[in-house]
Amino acid sequence: YPGIQAGKTGFDFGEDMRRQAEDFGA
């Protein structure tokens, strides 16, 4: 995935996206 050079788990990626969306009000 562009910009994630070191790599992360799919679970952590999903959690990051969820928190980010919630921060914007979703």
PDB file of all heavy atoms in Angstrom:
ATOM      1  N   TYR A   1       0.858  -1.184   0.000  1.00  0.00           N
ATOM      2  CA  TYR A   1       0.000   0.000   0.000  1.00  0.00           C
ATOM      3  C   TYR A   1       0.891   1.230   0.000  1.00  0.00           C
ATOM      4  O   TYR A   1       1.783   1.354   0.849  1.00  0.00           O
ATOM      5  CB  TYR A   1      -0.913   0.006   1.228  1.00  0.00           C
ATOM      6  CG  TYR A   1      -1.994   1.058   1.139  1.00  0.00           C
ATOM      7  CD1 TYR A   1      -3.215   0.772   0.549  1.00  0.00           C
ATOM      8  CD2 TYR A   1      -1.773   2.342   1.619  1.00  0.00           C
ATOM      9  CE1 TYR A   1      -4.206   1.736   0.449  1.00  0.00           C
ATOM     10  CE2 TYR A   1      -2.752   3.315   1.519  1.00  0.00           C
ATOM     11  CZ  TYR A   1      -3.962   3.005   0.931  1.00  0.00           C
ATOM     12  OH  TYR A   1      -4.936   3.966   0.821  1.00  0.00           O
ATOM     13  N   PRO A   2       0.704   2.143  -0.951  1.00  0.00           N
ATOM     14  CA  PRO A   2       1.585   3.311  -1.048  1.00  0.00           C
ATOM     15  C   PRO A   2       1.660   4.094   0.264  1.00  0.00           C
ATOM     16  O   PRO A   2       0.637   4.394   0.884  1.00  0.00           O
ATOM     17  CB  PRO A   2       0.915   4.156  -2.144  1.00  0.00           C
ATOM     18  CG  PRO A   2       0.185   3.161  -2.989  1.00  0.00           C
ATOM     19  CD  PRO A   2      -0.322   2.126  -2.025  1.00  0.00           C
ATOM     20  N   GLY A   3       2.886   4.385   0.669  1.00  0.00           N
ATOM     21  CA  GLY A   3       3.093   5.180   1.867  1.00  0.00           C
ATOM     22  C   GLY A   3       3.263   4.381   3.137  1.00  0.00           C
ATOM     23  O   GLY A   3       3.652   4.930   4.167  1.00  0.00           O
ATOM     24  N   ILE A   4       2.987   3.080   3.096  1.00  0.00           N
ATOM     25  CA  ILE A   4       3.185   2.222   4.271  1.00  0.00           C
ATOM     26  C   ILE A   4       4.365   1.314   3.957  1.00  0.00           C
ATOM     27  O   ILE A   4       4.212   0.151   3.596  1.00  0.00           O
ATOM     28  CB  ILE A   4       1.924   1.411   4.605  1.00  0.00           C
ATOM     29  CG1 ILE A   4       0.737   2.356   4.823  1.00  0.00           C
ATOM     30  CG2 ILE A   4       2.136   0.565   5.853  1.00  0.00           C
ATOM     31  CD1 ILE A   4      -0.556   1.652   5.169  1.00  0.00           C
ATOM     32  N   GLN A   5       5.560   1.862   4.048  1.00  0.00           N
ATOM     33  CA  GLN A   5       6.753   1.146   3.627  1.00  0.00           C
ATOM     34  C   GLN A   5       7.093  -0.017   4.544  1.00  0.00           C
ATOM     35  O   GLN A   5       7.439  -1.096   4.085  1.00  0.00           O
ATOM     36  CB  GLN A   5       7.935   2.117   3.544  1.00  0.00           C
ATOM     37  CG  GLN A   5       9.204   1.489   2.977  1.00  0.00           C
ATOM     38  CD  GLN A   5      10.307   2.514   2.797  1.00  0.00           C
ATOM     39  OE1 GLN A   5      10.181   3.657   3.223  1.00  0.00           O
ATOM     40  NE2 GLN A   5      11.397   2.119   2.174  1.00  0.00           N
ATOM     41  N   ALA A   6       6.984   0.205   5.856  1.00  0.00           N
ATOM     42  CA  ALA A   6       7.348  -0.850   6.791  1.00  0.00           C
ATOM     43  C   ALA A   6       6.295  -1.942   6.855  1.00  0.00           C
ATOM     44  O   ALA A   6       6.570  -3.051   7.293  1.00  0.00           O
ATOM     45  CB  ALA A   6       7.564  -0.252   8.183  1.00  0.00           C
ATOM     46  N   GLY A   7       5.091  -1.653   6.401  1.00  0.00           N
ATOM     47  CA  GLY A   7       4.016  -2.631   6.446  1.00  0.00           C
ATOM     48  C   GLY A   7       3.342  -2.659   7.808  1.00  0.00           C
ATOM     49  O   GLY A   7       3.948  -2.362   8.828  1.00  0.00           O
ATOM     50  N   LYS A   8       2.063  -2.993   7.825  1.00  0.00           N
ATOM     51  CA  LYS A   8       1.322  -3.169   9.065  1.00  0.00           C
ATOM     52  C   LYS A   8       0.291  -4.245   8.830  1.00  0.00           C
ATOM     53  O   LYS A   8       0.046  -4.639   7.681  1.00  0.00           O
ATOM     54  CB  LYS A   8       0.669  -1.868   9.513  1.00  0.00           C
ATOM     55  CG  LYS A   8      -0.382  -1.316   8.556  1.00  0.00           C
ATOM     56  CD  LYS A   8      -1.151  -0.154   9.179  1.00  0.00           C
ATOM     57  CE  LYS A   8      -0.295   0.992   9.584  1.00  0.00           C
ATOM     58  NZ  LYS A   8      -1.044   2.104  10.190  1.00  0.00           N
ATOM     59  N   THR A   9      -0.310  -4.743   9.861  1.00  0.00           N
ATOM     60  CA  THR A   9      -1.315  -5.790   9.686  1.00  0.00           C
ATOM     61  C   THR A   9      -2.581  -5.188   9.083  1.00  0.00           C
ATOM     62  O   THR A   9      -2.860  -3.987   9.228  1.00  0.00           O
ATOM     63  CB  THR A   9      -1.672  -6.449  11.031  1.00  0.00           C
ATOM     64  OG1 THR A   9      -2.351  -5.503  11.856  1.00  0.00           O
ATOM     65  CG2 THR A   9      -0.422  -6.965  11.732  1.00  0.00           C
ATOM     66  N   GLY A  10      -3.353  -6.036   8.427  1.00  0.00           N
ATOM     67  CA  GLY A  10      -4.621  -5.588   7.883  1.00  0.00           C
ATOM     68  C   GLY A  10      -5.563  -5.113   8.963  1.00  0.00           C
ATOM     69  O   GLY A  10      -6.331  -4.170   8.770  1.00  0.00           O
ATOM     70  N   PHE A  11      -5.509  -5.753  10.134  1.00  0.00           N
ATOM     71  CA  PHE A  11      -6.353  -5.338  11.256  1.00  0.00           C
ATOM     72  C   PHE A  11      -6.008  -3.914  11.701  1.00  0.00           C
ATOM     73  O   PHE A  11      -6.895  -3.079  11.893  1.00  0.00           O
ATOM     74  CB  PHE A  11      -6.189  -6.301  12.430  1.00  0.00           C
ATOM     75  CG  PHE A  11      -6.943  -5.883  13.671  1.00  0.00           C
ATOM     76  CD1 PHE A  11      -8.297  -6.154  13.794  1.00  0.00           C
ATOM     77  CD2 PHE A  11      -6.295  -5.200  14.692  1.00  0.00           C
ATOM     78  CE1 PHE A  11      -9.003  -5.754  14.927  1.00  0.00           C
ATOM     79  CE2 PHE A  11      -6.991  -4.795  15.827  1.00  0.00           C
ATOM     80  CZ  PHE A  11      -8.350  -5.071  15.936  1.00  0.00           C
ATOM     81  N   ASP A  12      -4.717  -3.639  11.863  1.00  0.00           N
ATOM     82  CA  ASP A  12      -4.297  -2.303  12.285  1.00  0.00           C
ATOM     83  C   ASP A  12      -4.659  -1.257  11.240  1.00  0.00           C
ATOM     84  O   ASP A  12      -5.044  -0.133  11.578  1.00  0.00           O
ATOM     85  CB  ASP A  12      -2.792  -2.276  12.555  1.00  0.00           C
ATOM     86  CG  ASP A  12      -2.406  -3.013  13.821  1.00  0.00           C
ATOM     87  OD1 ASP A  12      -3.289  -3.221  14.674  1.00  0.00           O
ATOM     88  OD2 ASP A  12      -1.229  -3.402  13.946  1.00  0.00           O
ATOM     89  N   PHE A  13      -4.528  -1.621   9.985  1.00  0.00           N
ATOM     90  CA  PHE A  13      -4.889  -0.705   8.899  1.00  0.00           C
ATOM     91  C   PHE A  13      -6.371  -0.350   8.966  1.00  0.00           C
ATOM     92  O   PHE A  13      -6.754   0.819   8.865  1.00  0.00           O
ATOM     93  CB  PHE A  13      -4.551  -1.358   7.553  1.00  0.00           C
ATOM     94  CG  PHE A  13      -4.888  -0.515   6.355  1.00  0.00           C
ATOM     95  CD1 PHE A  13      -4.085   0.558   5.986  1.00  0.00           C
ATOM     96  CD2 PHE A  13      -6.004  -0.800   5.593  1.00  0.00           C
ATOM     97  CE1 PHE A  13      -4.392   1.328   4.880  1.00  0.00           C
ATOM     98  CE2 PHE A  13      -6.318  -0.030   4.478  1.00  0.00           C
ATOM     99  CZ  PHE A  13      -5.504   1.039   4.129  1.00  0.00           C
ATOM    100  N   GLY A  14      -7.208  -1.375   9.162  1.00  0.00           N
ATOM    101  CA  GLY A  14      -8.645  -1.136   9.267  1.00  0.00           C
ATOM    102  C   GLY A  14      -8.998  -0.279  10.463  1.00  0.00           C
ATOM    103  O   GLY A  14      -9.856   0.619  10.380  1.00  0.00           O
ATOM    104  N   GLU A  15      -8.345  -0.533  11.599  1.00  0.00           N
ATOM    105  CA  GLU A  15      -8.607   0.256  12.797  1.00  0.00           C
ATOM    106  C   GLU A  15      -8.181   1.710  12.616  1.00  0.00           C
ATOM    107  O   GLU A  15      -8.862   2.643  13.060  1.00  0.00           O
ATOM    108  CB  GLU A  15      -7.891  -0.358  13.998  1.00  0.00           C
ATOM    109  CG  GLU A  15      -8.586  -1.573  14.569  1.00  0.00           C
ATOM    110  CD  GLU A  15      -9.965  -1.232  15.104  1.00  0.00           C
ATOM    111  OE1 GLU A  15     -10.057  -0.435  16.058  1.00  0.00           O
ATOM    112  OE2 GLU A  15     -10.954  -1.744  14.552  1.00  0.00           O
ATOM    113  N   ASP A  16      -7.054   1.920  11.949  1.00  0.00           N
ATOM    114  CA  ASP A  16      -6.598   3.285  11.678  1.00  0.00           C
ATOM    115  C   ASP A  16      -7.603   4.029  10.809  1.00  0.00           C
ATOM    116  O   ASP A  16      -7.925   5.200  11.054  1.00  0.00           O
ATOM    117  CB  ASP A  16      -5.233   3.271  10.995  1.00  0.00           C
ATOM    118  CG  ASP A  16      -4.094   2.915  11.935  1.00  0.00           C
ATOM    119  OD1 ASP A  16      -4.322   2.896  13.161  1.00  0.00           O
ATOM    120  OD2 ASP A  16      -2.985   2.658  11.437  1.00  0.00           O
ATOM    121  N   MET A  17      -8.114   3.355   9.783  1.00  0.00           N
ATOM    122  CA  MET A  17      -9.086   3.986   8.899  1.00  0.00           C
ATOM    123  C   MET A  17     -10.391   4.286   9.634  1.00  0.00           C
ATOM    124  O   MET A  17     -11.010   5.335   9.426  1.00  0.00           O
ATOM    125  CB  MET A  17      -9.360   3.097   7.677  1.00  0.00           C
ATOM    126  CG  MET A  17      -8.204   2.998   6.707  1.00  0.00           C
ATOM    127  SD  MET A  17      -8.691   2.196   5.149  1.00  0.00           S
ATOM    128  CE  MET A  17      -9.651   3.512   4.382  1.00  0.00           C
ATOM    129  N   ARG A  18     -10.804   3.372  10.504  1.00  0.00           N
ATOM    130  CA  ARG A  18     -12.035   3.604  11.273  1.00  0.00           C
ATOM    131  C   ARG A  18     -11.886   4.819  12.180  1.00  0.00           C
ATOM    132  O   ARG A  18     -12.758   5.710  12.210  1.00  0.00           O
ATOM    133  CB  ARG A  18     -12.381   2.371  12.112  1.00  0.00           C
ATOM    134  CG  ARG A  18     -13.621   2.571  12.991  1.00  0.00           C
ATOM    135  CD  ARG A  18     -13.809   1.433  13.969  1.00  0.00           C
ATOM    136  NE  ARG A  18     -12.696   1.290  14.885  1.00  0.00           N
ATOM    137  CZ  ARG A  18     -12.495   2.056  15.961  1.00  0.00           C
ATOM    138  NH1 ARG A  18     -13.350   3.033  16.238  1.00  0.00           N
ATOM    139  NH2 ARG A  18     -11.448   1.851  16.746  1.00  0.00           N
ATOM    140  N   ARG A  19     -10.773   4.878  12.922  1.00  0.00           N
ATOM    141  CA  ARG A  19     -10.557   6.009  13.829  1.00  0.00           C
ATOM    142  C   ARG A  19     -10.478   7.324  13.068  1.00  0.00           C
ATOM    143  O   ARG A  19     -11.007   8.352  13.522  1.00  0.00           O
ATOM    144  CB  ARG A  19      -9.277   5.790  14.642  1.00  0.00           C
ATOM    145  CG  ARG A  19      -9.437   4.756  15.766  1.00  0.00           C
ATOM    146  CD  ARG A  19      -8.241   4.778  16.683  1.00  0.00           C
ATOM    147  NE  ARG A  19      -7.054   4.262  16.009  1.00  0.00           N
ATOM    148  CZ  ARG A  19      -6.647   3.001  16.087  1.00  0.00           C
ATOM    149  NH1 ARG A  19      -7.342   2.125  16.795  1.00  0.00           N
ATOM    150  NH2 ARG A  19      -5.560   2.603  15.462  1.00  0.00           N
ATOM    151  N   GLN A  20      -9.857   7.284  11.922  1.00  0.00           N
ATOM    152  CA  GLN A  20      -9.739   8.494  11.118  1.00  0.00           C
ATOM    153  C   GLN A  20     -11.110   8.971  10.658  1.00  0.00           C
ATOM    154  O   GLN A  20     -11.415  10.165  10.724  1.00  0.00           O
ATOM    155  CB  GLN A  20      -8.843   8.200   9.912  1.00  0.00           C
ATOM    156  CG  GLN A  20      -8.292   9.422   9.216  1.00  0.00           C
ATOM    157  CD  GLN A  20      -7.251   9.041   8.179  1.00  0.00           C
ATOM    158  OE1 GLN A  20      -7.178   7.894   7.736  1.00  0.00           O
ATOM    159  NE2 GLN A  20      -6.433  10.004   7.787  1.00  0.00           N
ATOM    160  N   ALA A  21     -11.952   8.032  10.197  1.00  0.00           N
ATOM    161  CA  ALA A  21     -13.301   8.398   9.760  1.00  0.00           C
ATOM    162  C   ALA A  21     -14.121   8.943  10.923  1.00  0.00           C
ATOM    163  O   ALA A  21     -14.859   9.929  10.782  1.00  0.00           O
ATOM    164  CB  ALA A  21     -13.991   7.188   9.137  1.00  0.00           C
ATOM    165  N   GLU A  22     -13.984   8.323  12.087  1.00  0.00           N
ATOM    166  CA  GLU A  22     -14.711   8.809  13.265  1.00  0.00           C
ATOM    167  C   GLU A  22     -14.250  10.202  13.678  1.00  0.00           C
ATOM    168  O   GLU A  22     -15.057  11.034  14.116  1.00  0.00           O
ATOM    169  CB  GLU A  22     -14.542   7.826  14.426  1.00  0.00           C
ATOM    170  CG  GLU A  22     -15.338   6.541  14.263  1.00  0.00           C
ATOM    171  CD  GLU A  22     -15.185   5.609  15.444  1.00  0.00           C
ATOM    172  OE1 GLU A  22     -14.110   5.601  16.076  1.00  0.00           O
ATOM    173  OE2 GLU A  22     -16.156   4.885  15.740  1.00  0.00           O
ATOM    174  N   ASP A  23     -12.964  10.455  13.540  1.00  0.00           N
ATOM    175  CA  ASP A  23     -12.441  11.781  13.882  1.00  0.00           C
ATOM    176  C   ASP A  23     -13.076  12.871  13.018  1.00  0.00           C
ATOM    177  O   ASP A  23     -13.219  14.019  13.452  1.00  0.00           O
ATOM    178  CB  ASP A  23     -10.923  11.817  13.723  1.00  0.00           C
ATOM    179  CG  ASP A  23     -10.191  11.062  14.830  1.00  0.00           C
ATOM    180  OD1 ASP A  23     -10.827  10.764  15.859  1.00  0.00           O
ATOM    181  OD2 ASP A  23      -8.997  10.758  14.642  1.00  0.00           O
ATOM    182  N   PHE A  24     -13.453  12.513  11.801  1.00  0.00           N
ATOM    183  CA  PHE A  24     -14.090  13.475  10.901  1.00  0.00           C
ATOM    184  C   PHE A  24     -15.605  13.534  11.109  1.00  0.00           C
ATOM    185  O   PHE A  24     -16.274  14.366  10.507  1.00  0.00           O
ATOM    186  CB  PHE A  24     -13.786  13.143   9.445  1.00  0.00           C
ATOM    187  CG  PHE A  24     -12.401  13.525   9.007  1.00  0.00           C
ATOM    188  CD1 PHE A  24     -11.461  12.552   8.704  1.00  0.00           C
ATOM    189  CD2 PHE A  24     -12.035  14.858   8.905  1.00  0.00           C
ATOM    190  CE1 PHE A  24     -10.175  12.906   8.304  1.00  0.00           C
ATOM    191  CE2 PHE A  24     -10.751  15.217   8.508  1.00  0.00           C
ATOM    192  CZ  PHE A  24      -9.814  14.241   8.212  1.00  0.00           C
ATOM    193  N   GLY A  25     -16.138  12.636  11.945  1.00  0.00           N
ATOM    194  CA  GLY A  25     -17.549  12.704  12.273  1.00  0.00           C
ATOM    195  C   GLY A  25     -18.405  11.549  11.810  1.00  0.00           C
ATOM    196  O   GLY A  25     -19.615  11.537  12.071  1.00  0.00           O
ATOM    197  N   ALA A  26     -17.829  10.559  11.136  1.00  0.00           N
ATOM    198  CA  ALA A  26     -18.610   9.396  10.709  1.00  0.00           C
ATOM    199  C   ALA A  26     -19.039   8.580  11.922  1.00  0.00           C
ATOM    200  O   ALA A  26     -18.307   8.479  12.911  1.00  0.00           O
ATOM    201  CB  ALA A  26     -17.805   8.519   9.749  1.00  0.00           C
TER     202      ALA A  26
END
